């Protein structure tokens, strides 16, 4: 599944999220929504957040492959738990979950 490439931005003049070409509307805001601007900003950041997740997974893969030893069990646990959160978020964004 492919999404419209980012970066997306919130166009507050028209109340919608647009792609870089400024003509492709990603989403329009419901005027009576509870938090339309906050929701729009989060939606607009989605491609950047997905890319950040993928980059952090790549970094963690390099770290694991280099066999760096983590001396404290709680740090190792936090790394693996955080990595799993990122993998789950990526799968959800890509429609695999």
C-alpha atoms as a PDB file:
ATOM      1  CA  UNK A   1       0.000   0.000   0.000  1.00  0.00           C
ATOM      2  CA  UNK A   2       1.422   3.373  -1.007  1.00  0.00           C
ATOM      3  CA  UNK A   3       0.499   6.681   0.543  1.00  0.00           C
ATOM      4  CA  UNK A   4       0.814  10.110  -1.022  1.00  0.00           C
ATOM      5  CA  UNK A   5       4.424  11.187  -0.442  1.00  0.00           C
ATOM      6  CA  UNK A   6       5.053  13.879   2.151  1.00  0.00           C
ATOM      7  CA  UNK A   7       5.744  16.267   3.518  1.00  0.00           C
ATOM      8  CA  UNK A   8       2.086  17.079   4.031  1.00  0.00           C
ATOM      9  CA  UNK A   9       1.033  20.405   5.430  1.00  0.00           C
ATOM     10  CA  UNK A  10      -2.028  21.939   7.000  1.00  0.00           C
ATOM     11  CA  UNK A  11      -3.550  24.706   4.877  1.00  0.00           C
ATOM     12  CA  UNK A  12      -5.496  26.727   7.424  1.00  0.00           C
ATOM     13  CA  UNK A  13      -6.980  28.948   4.689  1.00  0.00           C
ATOM     14  CA  UNK A  14      -8.975  26.003   3.333  1.00  0.00           C
ATOM     15  CA  UNK A  15      -9.056  23.744   6.398  1.00  0.00           C
ATOM     16  CA  UNK A  16      -7.384  20.776   4.752  1.00  0.00           C
ATOM     17  CA  UNK A  17      -4.161  18.780   4.612  1.00  0.00           C
ATOM     18  CA  UNK A  18      -2.385  19.023   1.255  1.00  0.00           C
ATOM     19  CA  UNK A  19       0.487  17.205  -0.424  1.00  0.00           C
ATOM     20  CA  UNK A  20       3.675  19.013  -1.524  1.00  0.00           C
ATOM     21  CA  UNK A  21       2.086  19.982  -4.854  1.00  0.00           C
ATOM     22  CA  UNK A  22      -0.465  22.099  -2.907  1.00  0.00           C
ATOM     23  CA  UNK A  23      -3.291  20.715  -5.070  1.00  0.00           C
ATOM     24  CA  UNK A  24      -3.688  17.150  -3.787  1.00  0.00           C
ATOM     25  CA  UNK A  25      -5.998  17.223  -0.769  1.00  0.00           C
ATOM     26  CA  UNK A  26      -5.126  14.489   1.724  1.00  0.00           C
ATOM     27  CA  UNK A  27      -7.948  15.243   4.167  1.00  0.00           C
ATOM     28  CA  UNK A  28     -10.525  17.927   4.852  1.00  0.00           C
ATOM     29  CA  UNK A  29     -11.468  19.020   8.329  1.00  0.00           C
ATOM     30  CA  UNK A  30     -14.908  18.603   9.796  1.00  0.00           C
ATOM     31  CA  UNK A  31     -15.903  22.105  10.899  1.00  0.00           C
ATOM     32  CA  UNK A  32     -17.646  20.795  13.997  1.00  0.00           C
ATOM     33  CA  UNK A  33     -14.877  18.423  15.107  1.00  0.00           C
ATOM     34  CA  UNK A  34     -13.639  18.735  18.683  1.00  0.00           C
ATOM     35  CA  UNK A  35     -10.047  19.589  17.805  1.00  0.00           C
ATOM     36  CA  UNK A  36      -9.796  20.108  14.042  1.00  0.00           C
ATOM     37  CA  UNK A  37      -6.501  21.998  14.054  1.00  0.00           C
ATOM     38  CA  UNK A  38      -4.776  19.576  16.440  1.00  0.00           C
ATOM     39  CA  UNK A  39      -6.051  16.617  14.393  1.00  0.00           C
ATOM     40  CA  UNK A  40      -4.944  18.266  11.158  1.00  0.00           C
ATOM     41  CA  UNK A  41      -1.446  18.924  12.458  1.00  0.00           C
ATOM     42  CA  UNK A  42      -1.121  15.296  13.568  1.00  0.00           C
ATOM     43  CA  UNK A  43      -2.343  14.019  10.204  1.00  0.00           C
ATOM     44  CA  UNK A  44       0.023  16.372   8.374  1.00  0.00           C
ATOM     45  CA  UNK A  45       2.953  15.017  10.403  1.00  0.00           C
ATOM     46  CA  UNK A  46       2.105  11.365   9.617  1.00  0.00           C
ATOM     47  CA  UNK A  47       4.566  10.855   6.707  1.00  0.00           C
ATOM     48  CA  UNK A  48       7.389  12.402   8.746  1.00  0.00           C
ATOM     49  CA  UNK A  49       6.524  10.270  11.769  1.00  0.00           C
ATOM     50  CA  UNK A  50       6.487   7.109   9.635  1.00  0.00           C
ATOM     51  CA  UNK A  51       9.878   7.988   8.170  1.00  0.00           C
ATOM     52  CA  UNK A  52      11.288   8.689  11.652  1.00  0.00           C
ATOM     53  CA  UNK A  53      10.052   5.295  12.857  1.00  0.00           C
ATOM     54  CA  UNK A  54      11.688   3.543   9.898  1.00  0.00           C
ATOM     55  CA  UNK A  55      14.975   5.362  10.477  1.00  0.00           C
ATOM     56  CA  UNK A  56      14.999   4.450  14.167  1.00  0.00           C
ATOM     57  CA  UNK A  57      14.429   0.784  13.264  1.00  0.00           C
ATOM     58  CA  UNK A  58      17.356   0.972  10.826  1.00  0.00           C
ATOM     59  CA  UNK A  59      19.539   2.484  13.550  1.00  0.00           C
ATOM     60  CA  UNK A  60      18.510  -0.170  16.054  1.00  0.00           C
ATOM     61  CA  UNK A  61      19.214  -2.895  13.456  1.00  0.00           C
ATOM     62  CA  UNK A  62      22.747  -1.544  13.007  1.00  0.00           C
ATOM     63  CA  UNK A  63      23.246  -1.389  16.746  1.00  0.00           C
ATOM     64  CA  UNK A  64      22.019  -4.947  17.241  1.00  0.00           C
ATOM     65  CA  UNK A  65      24.114  -6.186  14.283  1.00  0.00           C
ATOM     66  CA  UNK A  66      27.228  -4.581  15.748  1.00  0.00           C
ATOM     67  CA  UNK A  67      26.657  -6.731  18.841  1.00  0.00           C
ATOM     68  CA  UNK A  68      26.989  -3.858  21.238  1.00  0.00           C
ATOM     69  CA  UNK A  69      26.468  -5.242  24.711  1.00  0.00           C
ATOM     70  CA  UNK A  70      23.981  -3.513  26.918  1.00  0.00           C
ATOM     71  CA  UNK A  71      25.135  -4.073  30.473  1.00  0.00           C
ATOM     72  CA  UNK A  72      21.877  -3.281  32.227  1.00  0.00           C
ATOM     73  CA  UNK A  73      18.876  -5.532  31.683  1.00  0.00           C
ATOM     74  CA  UNK A  74      16.415  -2.638  32.024  1.00  0.00           C
ATOM     75  CA  UNK A  75      18.143  -0.731  29.198  1.00  0.00           C
ATOM     76  CA  UNK A  76      18.080  -3.781  26.943  1.00  0.00           C
ATOM     77  CA  UNK A  77      14.433  -4.335  27.769  1.00  0.00           C
ATOM     78  CA  UNK A  78      13.595  -0.688  27.022  1.00  0.00           C
ATOM     79  CA  UNK A  79      15.404  -0.889  23.664  1.00  0.00           C
ATOM     80  CA  UNK A  80      13.519  -4.019  22.616  1.00  0.00           C
ATOM     81  CA  UNK A  81      10.173  -2.714  23.876  1.00  0.00           C
ATOM     82  CA  UNK A  82      10.653   0.625  22.097  1.00  0.00           C
ATOM     83  CA  UNK A  83      11.699  -1.176  18.933  1.00  0.00           C
ATOM     84  CA  UNK A  84       8.546  -3.289  19.055  1.00  0.00           C
ATOM     85  CA  UNK A  85       6.374  -0.173  19.474  1.00  0.00           C
ATOM     86  CA  UNK A  86       8.002   1.281  16.350  1.00  0.00           C
ATOM     87  CA  UNK A  87       7.540  -1.928  14.363  1.00  0.00           C
ATOM     88  CA  UNK A  88       3.870  -2.088  15.401  1.00  0.00           C
ATOM     89  CA  UNK A  89       3.303   1.549  14.413  1.00  0.00           C
ATOM     90  CA  UNK A  90       4.931   0.993  11.015  1.00  0.00           C
ATOM     91  CA  UNK A  91       2.823  -2.118  10.399  1.00  0.00           C
ATOM     92  CA  UNK A  92      -0.334  -0.194  11.314  1.00  0.00           C
ATOM     93  CA  UNK A  93       0.585   2.717   9.028  1.00  0.00           C
ATOM     94  CA  UNK A  94       1.261   0.300   6.164  1.00  0.00           C
ATOM     95  CA  UNK A  95      -2.012  -1.600   6.676  1.00  0.00           C
ATOM     96  CA  UNK A  96      -0.366  -4.785   7.917  1.00  0.00           C
ATOM     97  CA  UNK A  97      -1.995  -4.734  11.360  1.00  0.00           C
END
